[in-house]
């Protein structure tokens, strides 16, 4: 075998592989975008409601005081 034919075969194999990966990733992106359109509004409503309920409640001052006292006690033991 000649070096030129080996290089041509390697180039052909490389281009075939790159085209295959490109096609696979394009199909994957297309599928994910379509699935996001189908499930997007449902998921975004649930997560926004959960985030709003967590941010409105916050952390109570009793918990903050207990955490601060525990940190202060830990620092004095060192």
PDB file of N, CA and C in Angstrom:
ATOM      1  N   UNK A   1       0.838  -1.189   0.000  1.00  0.00           N
ATOM      2  CA  UNK A   1       0.000   0.000   0.000  1.00  0.00           C
ATOM      3  C   UNK A   1       0.876   1.243   0.000  1.00  0.00           C
ATOM      4  N   UNK A   2       0.416   2.182  -0.681  1.00  0.00           N
ATOM      5  CA  UNK A   2       1.112   3.448  -0.831  1.00  0.00           C
ATOM      6  C   UNK A   2       0.680   4.396   0.294  1.00  0.00           C
ATOM      7  N   UNK A   3       1.571   5.317   0.693  1.00  0.00           N
ATOM      8  CA  UNK A   3       1.267   6.264   1.764  1.00  0.00           C
ATOM      9  C   UNK A   3       0.117   7.185   1.373  1.00  0.00           C
ATOM     10  N   UNK A   4       0.032   7.506   0.085  1.00  0.00           N
ATOM     11  CA  UNK A   4      -1.052   8.390  -0.395  1.00  0.00           C
ATOM     12  C   UNK A   4      -2.404   7.707  -0.232  1.00  0.00           C
ATOM     13  N   UNK A   5      -2.473   6.430  -0.572  1.00  0.00           N
ATOM     14  CA  UNK A   5      -3.747   5.717  -0.438  1.00  0.00           C
ATOM     15  C   UNK A   5      -4.132   5.565   1.038  1.00  0.00           C
ATOM     16  N   UNK A   6      -3.127   5.365   1.902  1.00  0.00           N
ATOM     17  CA  UNK A   6      -3.417   5.279   3.337  1.00  0.00           C
ATOM     18  C   UNK A   6      -3.930   6.610   3.885  1.00  0.00           C
ATOM     19  N   UNK A   7      -3.319   7.713   3.427  1.00  0.00           N
ATOM     20  CA  UNK A   7      -3.783   9.028   3.877  1.00  0.00           C
ATOM     21  C   UNK A   7      -5.186   9.326   3.360  1.00  0.00           C
ATOM     22  N   UNK A   8      -5.479   8.936   2.138  1.00  0.00           N
ATOM     23  CA  UNK A   8      -6.822   9.130   1.600  1.00  0.00           C
ATOM     24  C   UNK A   8      -7.848   8.302   2.362  1.00  0.00           C
ATOM     25  N   UNK A   9      -7.487   7.081   2.692  1.00  0.00           N
ATOM     26  CA  UNK A   9      -8.382   6.220   3.457  1.00  0.00           C
ATOM     27  C   UNK A   9      -8.610   6.803   4.860  1.00  0.00           C
ATOM     28  N   UNK A  10      -7.556   7.313   5.482  1.00  0.00           N
ATOM     29  CA  UNK A  10      -7.683   7.922   6.804  1.00  0.00           C
ATOM     30  C   UNK A  10      -8.543   9.181   6.751  1.00  0.00           C
ATOM     31  N   UNK A  11      -8.356   9.999   5.723  1.00  0.00           N
ATOM     32  CA  UNK A  11      -9.173  11.196   5.559  1.00  0.00           C
ATOM     33  C   UNK A  11     -10.632  10.857   5.336  1.00  0.00           C
ATOM     34  N   UNK A  12     -10.876   9.835   4.533  1.00  0.00           N
ATOM     35  CA  UNK A  12     -12.245   9.403   4.283  1.00  0.00           C
ATOM     36  C   UNK A  12     -12.905   8.912   5.566  1.00  0.00           C
ATOM     37  N   UNK A  13     -12.176   8.130   6.327  1.00  0.00           N
ATOM     38  CA  UNK A  13     -12.704   7.620   7.592  1.00  0.00           C
ATOM     39  C   UNK A  13     -12.967   8.758   8.575  1.00  0.00           C
ATOM     40  N   UNK A  14     -12.082   9.740   8.629  1.00  0.00           N
ATOM     41  CA  UNK A  14     -12.249  10.878   9.524  1.00  0.00           C
ATOM     42  C   UNK A  14     -13.480  11.696   9.140  1.00  0.00           C
ATOM     43  N   UNK A  15     -13.649  11.968   7.850  1.00  0.00           N
ATOM     44  CA  UNK A  15     -14.802  12.749   7.392  1.00  0.00           C
ATOM     45  C   UNK A  15     -16.101  11.987   7.645  1.00  0.00           C
ATOM     46  N   UNK A  16     -16.086  10.689   7.410  1.00  0.00           N
ATOM     47  CA  UNK A  16     -17.279   9.873   7.669  1.00  0.00           C
ATOM     48  C   UNK A  16     -17.648   9.913   9.147  1.00  0.00           C
ATOM     49  N   UNK A  17     -16.677   9.799  10.012  1.00  0.00           N
ATOM     50  CA  UNK A  17     -16.938   9.843  11.445  1.00  0.00           C
ATOM     51  C   UNK A  17     -17.446  11.200  11.900  1.00  0.00           C
ATOM     52  N   UNK A  18     -16.849  12.266  11.380  1.00  0.00           N
ATOM     53  CA  UNK A  18     -17.266  13.605  11.772  1.00  0.00           C
ATOM     54  C   UNK A  18     -18.686  13.898  11.286  1.00  0.00           C
ATOM     55  N   UNK A  19     -19.023  13.455  10.077  1.00  0.00           N
ATOM     56  CA  UNK A  19     -20.382  13.647   9.573  1.00  0.00           C
ATOM     57  C   UNK A  19     -21.374  12.844  10.409  1.00  0.00           C
ATOM     58  N   UNK A  20     -20.998  11.643  10.787  1.00  0.00           N
ATOM     59  CA  UNK A  20     -21.877  10.818  11.626  1.00  0.00           C
ATOM     60  C   UNK A  20     -22.135  11.464  12.972  1.00  0.00           C
ATOM     61  N   UNK A  21     -21.097  11.988  13.601  1.00  0.00           N
ATOM     62  CA  UNK A  21     -21.261  12.662  14.897  1.00  0.00           C
ATOM     63  C   UNK A  21     -22.104  13.921  14.740  1.00  0.00           C
ATOM     64  N   UNK A  22     -21.874  14.683  13.659  1.00  0.00           N
ATOM     65  CA  UNK A  22     -22.650  15.901  13.421  1.00  0.00           C
ATOM     66  C   UNK A  22     -24.131  15.581  13.251  1.00  0.00           C
ATOM     67  N   UNK A  23     -24.434  14.555  12.481  1.00  0.00           N
ATOM     68  CA  UNK A  23     -25.832  14.170  12.265  1.00  0.00           C
ATOM     69  C   UNK A  23     -26.466  13.711  13.573  1.00  0.00           C
ATOM     70  N   UNK A  24     -25.757  12.905  14.349  1.00  0.00           N
ATOM     71  CA  UNK A  24     -26.282  12.423  15.624  1.00  0.00           C
ATOM     72  C   UNK A  24     -26.548  13.580  16.582  1.00  0.00           C
ATOM     73  N   UNK A  25     -25.607  14.507  16.698  1.00  0.00           N
ATOM     74  CA  UNK A  25     -25.801  15.640  17.603  1.00  0.00           C
ATOM     75  C   UNK A  25     -26.916  16.556  17.116  1.00  0.00           C
ATOM     76  N   UNK A  26     -27.061  16.722  15.822  1.00  0.00           N
ATOM     77  CA  UNK A  26     -28.154  17.540  15.288  1.00  0.00           C
ATOM     78  C   UNK A  26     -29.505  16.926  15.628  1.00  0.00           C
ATOM     79  N   UNK A  27     -29.618  15.626  15.466  1.00  0.00           N
ATOM     80  CA  UNK A  27     -30.869  14.938  15.822  1.00  0.00           C
ATOM     81  C   UNK A  27     -31.126  15.062  17.314  1.00  0.00           C
ATOM     82  N   UNK A  28     -30.090  14.935  18.125  1.00  0.00           N
ATOM     83  CA  UNK A  28     -30.237  15.042  19.576  1.00  0.00           C
ATOM     84  C   UNK A  28     -30.698  16.431  19.983  1.00  0.00           C
ATOM     85  N   UNK A  29     -30.120  17.467  19.394  1.00  0.00           N
ATOM     86  CA  UNK A  29     -30.524  18.837  19.702  1.00  0.00           C
ATOM     87  C   UNK A  29     -31.972  19.066  19.284  1.00  0.00           C
ATOM     88  N   UNK A  30     -32.340  18.592  18.098  1.00  0.00           N
ATOM     89  CA  UNK A  30     -33.712  18.730  17.618  1.00  0.00           C
ATOM     90  C   UNK A  30     -34.693  18.047  18.586  1.00  0.00           C
ATOM     91  N   UNK A  31     -34.365  16.852  19.048  1.00  0.00           N
ATOM     92  CA  UNK A  31     -35.244  16.111  19.948  1.00  0.00           C
ATOM     93  C   UNK A  31     -35.370  16.807  21.297  1.00  0.00           C
ATOM     94  N   UNK A  32     -34.272  17.312  21.831  1.00  0.00           N
ATOM     95  CA  UNK A  32     -34.314  17.978  23.129  1.00  0.00           C
ATOM     96  C   UNK A  32     -35.122  19.269  23.052  1.00  0.00           C
ATOM     97  N   UNK A  33     -34.968  20.019  21.981  1.00  0.00           N
ATOM     98  CA  UNK A  33     -35.748  21.255  21.821  1.00  0.00           C
ATOM     99  C   UNK A  33     -37.241  20.952  21.726  1.00  0.00           C
ATOM    100  N   UNK A  34     -37.600  19.918  20.983  1.00  0.00           N
ATOM    101  CA  UNK A  34     -39.010  19.560  20.880  1.00  0.00           C
ATOM    102  C   UNK A  34     -39.564  19.062  22.206  1.00  0.00           C
ATOM    103  N   UNK A  35     -38.786  18.300  22.942  1.00  0.00           N
ATOM    104  CA  UNK A  35     -39.244  17.846  24.259  1.00  0.00           C
ATOM    105  C   UNK A  35     -39.372  19.010  25.226  1.00  0.00           C
ATOM    106  N   UNK A  36     -38.500  19.988  25.119  1.00  0.00           N
ATOM    107  CA  UNK A  36     -38.590  21.158  25.978  1.00  0.00           C
ATOM    108  C   UNK A  36     -39.842  21.963  25.671  1.00  0.00           C
ATOM    109  N   UNK A  37     -40.227  22.015  24.401  1.00  0.00           N
ATOM    110  CA  UNK A  37     -41.459  22.713  24.039  1.00  0.00           C
ATOM    111  C   UNK A  37     -42.673  21.989  24.610  1.00  0.00           C
ATOM    112  N   UNK A  38     -42.648  20.672  24.610  1.00  0.00           N
ATOM    113  CA  UNK A  38     -43.778  19.908  25.128  1.00  0.00           C
ATOM    114  C   UNK A  38     -43.896  20.006  26.652  1.00  0.00           C
ATOM    115  N   UNK A  39     -42.774  19.911  27.349  1.00  0.00           N
ATOM    116  CA  UNK A  39     -42.794  19.887  28.811  1.00  0.00           C
ATOM    117  C   UNK A  39     -42.409  21.217  29.420  1.00  0.00           C
ATOM    118  N   UNK A  40     -42.030  22.186  28.612  1.00  0.00           N
ATOM    119  CA  UNK A  40     -41.536  23.463  29.121  1.00  0.00           C
ATOM    120  C   UNK A  40     -42.490  24.207  30.024  1.00  0.00           C
ATOM    121  N   UNK A  41     -43.710  24.518  29.588  1.00  0.00           N
ATOM    122  CA  UNK A  41     -44.601  25.304  30.445  1.00  0.00           C
ATOM    123  C   UNK A  41     -44.959  24.590  31.743  1.00  0.00           C
ATOM    124  N   UNK A  42     -45.119  23.295  31.688  1.00  0.00           N
ATOM    125  CA  UNK A  42     -45.471  22.550  32.896  1.00  0.00           C
ATOM    126  C   UNK A  42     -44.339  22.590  33.915  1.00  0.00           C
ATOM    127  N   UNK A  43     -43.123  22.363  33.461  1.00  0.00           N
ATOM    128  CA  UNK A  43     -41.989  22.360  34.371  1.00  0.00           C
ATOM    129  C   UNK A  43     -41.675  23.749  34.895  1.00  0.00           C
ATOM    130  N   UNK A  44     -41.775  24.768  34.052  1.00  0.00           N
ATOM    131  CA  UNK A  44     -41.433  26.115  34.498  1.00  0.00           C
ATOM    132  C   UNK A  44     -42.426  26.626  35.528  1.00  0.00           C
ATOM    133  N   UNK A  45     -43.695  26.250  35.439  1.00  0.00           N
ATOM    134  CA  UNK A  45     -44.680  26.680  36.432  1.00  0.00           C
ATOM    135  C   UNK A  45     -44.414  26.038  37.782  1.00  0.00           C
ATOM    136  N   UNK A  46     -44.066  24.772  37.801  1.00  0.00           N
ATOM    137  CA  UNK A  46     -43.800  24.083  39.064  1.00  0.00           C
ATOM    138  C   UNK A  46     -42.561  24.644  39.754  1.00  0.00           C
ATOM    139  N   UNK A  47     -41.511  24.881  39.004  1.00  0.00           N
ATOM    140  CA  UNK A  47     -40.281  25.376  39.624  1.00  0.00           C
ATOM    141  C   UNK A  47     -40.429  26.807  40.096  1.00  0.00           C
ATOM    142  N   UNK A  48     -41.192  27.632  39.379  1.00  0.00           N
ATOM    143  CA  UNK A  48     -41.365  29.014  39.821  1.00  0.00           C
ATOM    144  C   UNK A  48     -42.222  29.073  41.074  1.00  0.00           C
ATOM    145  N   UNK A  49     -43.197  28.182  41.198  1.00  0.00           N
ATOM    146  CA  UNK A  49     -44.013  28.157  42.413  1.00  0.00           C
ATOM    147  C   UNK A  49     -43.201  27.704  43.607  1.00  0.00           C
ATOM    148  N   UNK A  50     -42.338  26.715  43.411  1.00  0.00           N
ATOM    149  CA  UNK A  50     -41.502  26.234  44.505  1.00  0.00           C
ATOM    150  C   UNK A  50     -40.500  27.289  44.925  1.00  0.00           C
ATOM    151  N   UNK A  51     -39.908  27.993  43.980  1.00  0.00           N
ATOM    152  CA  UNK A  51     -38.933  29.027  44.304  1.00  0.00           C
ATOM    153  C   UNK A  51     -39.607  30.186  45.036  1.00  0.00           C
ATOM    154  N   UNK A  52     -40.813  30.537  44.637  1.00  0.00           N
ATOM    155  CA  UNK A  52     -41.521  31.637  45.285  1.00  0.00           C
ATOM    156  C   UNK A  52     -41.896  31.266  46.717  1.00  0.00           C
ATOM    157  N   UNK A  53     -42.315  30.017  46.944  1.00  0.00           N
ATOM    158  CA  UNK A  53     -42.703  29.626  48.297  1.00  0.00           C
ATOM    159  C   UNK A  53     -41.490  29.551  49.214  1.00  0.00           C
ATOM    160  N   UNK A  54     -40.344  29.124  48.706  1.00  0.00           N
ATOM    161  CA  UNK A  54     -39.147  29.052  49.535  1.00  0.00           C
ATOM    162  C   UNK A  54     -38.612  30.434  49.864  1.00  0.00           C
ATOM    163  N   UNK A  55     -38.626  31.339  48.889  1.00  0.00           N
ATOM    164  CA  UNK A  55     -38.067  32.659  49.133  1.00  0.00           C
ATOM    165  C   UNK A  55     -38.973  33.492  50.025  1.00  0.00           C
ATOM    166  N   UNK A  56     -40.286  33.240  50.009  1.00  0.00           N
ATOM    167  CA  UNK A  56     -41.192  34.038  50.830  1.00  0.00           C
ATOM    168  C   UNK A  56     -41.119  33.624  52.293  1.00  0.00           C
ATOM    169  N   UNK A  57     -40.837  32.344  52.570  1.00  0.00           N
ATOM    170  CA  UNK A  57     -40.784  31.909  53.963  1.00  0.00           C
ATOM    171  C   UNK A  57     -39.475  32.326  54.619  1.00  0.00           C
ATOM    172  N   UNK A  58     -38.368  32.153  53.939  1.00  0.00           N
ATOM    173  CA  UNK A  58     -37.079  32.550  54.496  1.00  0.00           C
ATOM    174  C   UNK A  58     -36.657  31.677  55.668  1.00  0.00           C
ATOM    175  N   UNK A  59     -35.602  32.082  56.342  1.00  0.00           N
ATOM    176  CA  UNK A  59     -35.095  31.369  57.506  1.00  0.00           C
ATOM    177  C   UNK A  59     -35.505  32.154  58.741  1.00  0.00           C
ATOM    178  N   UNK A  60     -36.026  31.435  59.711  1.00  0.00           N
ATOM    179  CA  UNK A  60     -36.503  32.128  60.914  1.00  0.00           C
ATOM    180  C   UNK A  60     -35.331  32.675  61.717  1.00  0.00           C
ATOM    181  N   UNK A  61     -35.620  33.721  62.526  1.00  0.00           N
ATOM    182  CA  UNK A  61     -34.548  34.322  63.323  1.00  0.00           C
ATOM    183  C   UNK A  61     -34.039  33.370  64.399  1.00  0.00           C
ATOM    184  N   UNK A  62     -34.890  32.449  64.857  1.00  0.00           N
ATOM    185  CA  UNK A  62     -34.440  31.481  65.856  1.00  0.00           C
ATOM    186  C   UNK A  62     -33.367  30.570  65.270  1.00  0.00           C
ATOM    187  N   UNK A  63     -33.552  30.149  64.011  1.00  0.00           N
ATOM    188  CA  UNK A  63     -32.544  29.311  63.365  1.00  0.00           C
ATOM    189  C   UNK A  63     -31.238  30.084  63.158  1.00  0.00           C
ATOM    190  N   UNK A  64     -31.345  31.323  62.758  1.00  0.00           N
ATOM    191  CA  UNK A  64     -30.141  32.134  62.559  1.00  0.00           C
ATOM    192  C   UNK A  64     -29.399  32.319  63.869  1.00  0.00           C
ATOM    193  N   UNK A  65     -30.139  32.559  64.951  1.00  0.00           N
ATOM    194  CA  UNK A  65     -29.511  32.720  66.265  1.00  0.00           C
ATOM    195  C   UNK A  65     -28.829  31.430  66.713  1.00  0.00           C
ATOM    196  N   UNK A  66     -29.467  30.287  66.475  1.00  0.00           N
ATOM    197  CA  UNK A  66     -28.878  29.004  66.868  1.00  0.00           C
ATOM    198  C   UNK A  66     -27.617  28.715  66.060  1.00  0.00           C
ATOM    199  N   UNK A  67     -27.633  29.010  64.788  1.00  0.00           N
ATOM    200  CA  UNK A  67     -26.456  28.784  63.947  1.00  0.00           C
ATOM    201  C   UNK A  67     -25.323  29.708  64.364  1.00  0.00           C
ATOM    202  N   UNK A  68     -25.635  30.967  64.643  1.00  0.00           N
ATOM    203  CA  UNK A  68     -24.615  31.920  65.071  1.00  0.00           C
ATOM    204  C   UNK A  68     -23.992  31.501  66.396  1.00  0.00           C
ATOM    205  N   UNK A  69     -24.820  31.035  67.327  1.00  0.00           N
ATOM    206  CA  UNK A  69     -24.307  30.574  68.622  1.00  0.00           C
ATOM    207  C   UNK A  69     -23.428  29.341  68.454  1.00  0.00           C
ATOM    208  N   UNK A  70     -23.819  28.432  67.573  1.00  0.00           N
ATOM    209  CA  UNK A  70     -23.027  27.221  67.357  1.00  0.00           C
ATOM    210  C   UNK A  70     -21.678  27.569  66.739  1.00  0.00           C
ATOM    211  N   UNK A  71     -21.653  28.506  65.792  1.00  0.00           N
ATOM    212  CA  UNK A  71     -20.388  28.912  65.177  1.00  0.00           C
ATOM    213  C   UNK A  71     -19.494  29.599  66.196  1.00  0.00           C
ATOM    214  N   UNK A  72     -20.081  30.452  67.019  1.00  0.00           N
ATOM    215  CA  UNK A  72     -19.287  31.142  68.046  1.00  0.00           C
ATOM    216  C   UNK A  72     -18.709  30.142  69.040  1.00  0.00           C
ATOM    217  N   UNK A  73     -19.504  29.163  69.441  1.00  0.00           N
ATOM    218  CA  UNK A  73     -19.021  28.142  70.378  1.00  0.00           C
ATOM    219  C   UNK A  73     -17.910  27.308  69.741  1.00  0.00           C
ATOM    220  N   UNK A  74     -18.034  26.979  68.482  1.00  0.00           N
ATOM    221  CA  UNK A  74     -17.009  26.199  67.792  1.00  0.00           C
ATOM    222  C   UNK A  74     -15.696  26.974  67.697  1.00  0.00           C
ATOM    223  N   UNK A  75     -15.802  28.271  67.433  1.00  0.00           N
ATOM    224  CA  UNK A  75     -14.594  29.084  67.313  1.00  0.00           C
ATOM    225  C   UNK A  75     -13.882  29.267  68.637  1.00  0.00           C
ATOM    226  N   UNK A  76     -14.607  29.302  69.738  1.00  0.00           N
ATOM    227  CA  UNK A  76     -13.968  29.468  71.043  1.00  0.00           C
ATOM    228  C   UNK A  76     -13.280  28.183  71.500  1.00  0.00           C
ATOM    229  N   UNK A  77     -13.716  27.040  71.039  1.00  0.00           N
ATOM    230  CA  UNK A  77     -13.089  25.769  71.426  1.00  0.00           C
ATOM    231  C   UNK A  77     -11.723  25.595  70.783  1.00  0.00           C
ATOM    232  N   UNK A  78     -11.461  26.238  69.676  1.00  0.00           N
ATOM    233  CA  UNK A  78     -10.182  26.063  68.982  1.00  0.00           C
ATOM    234  C   UNK A  78      -9.087  26.639  69.746  1.00  0.00           C
TER     235      UNK A  78
END
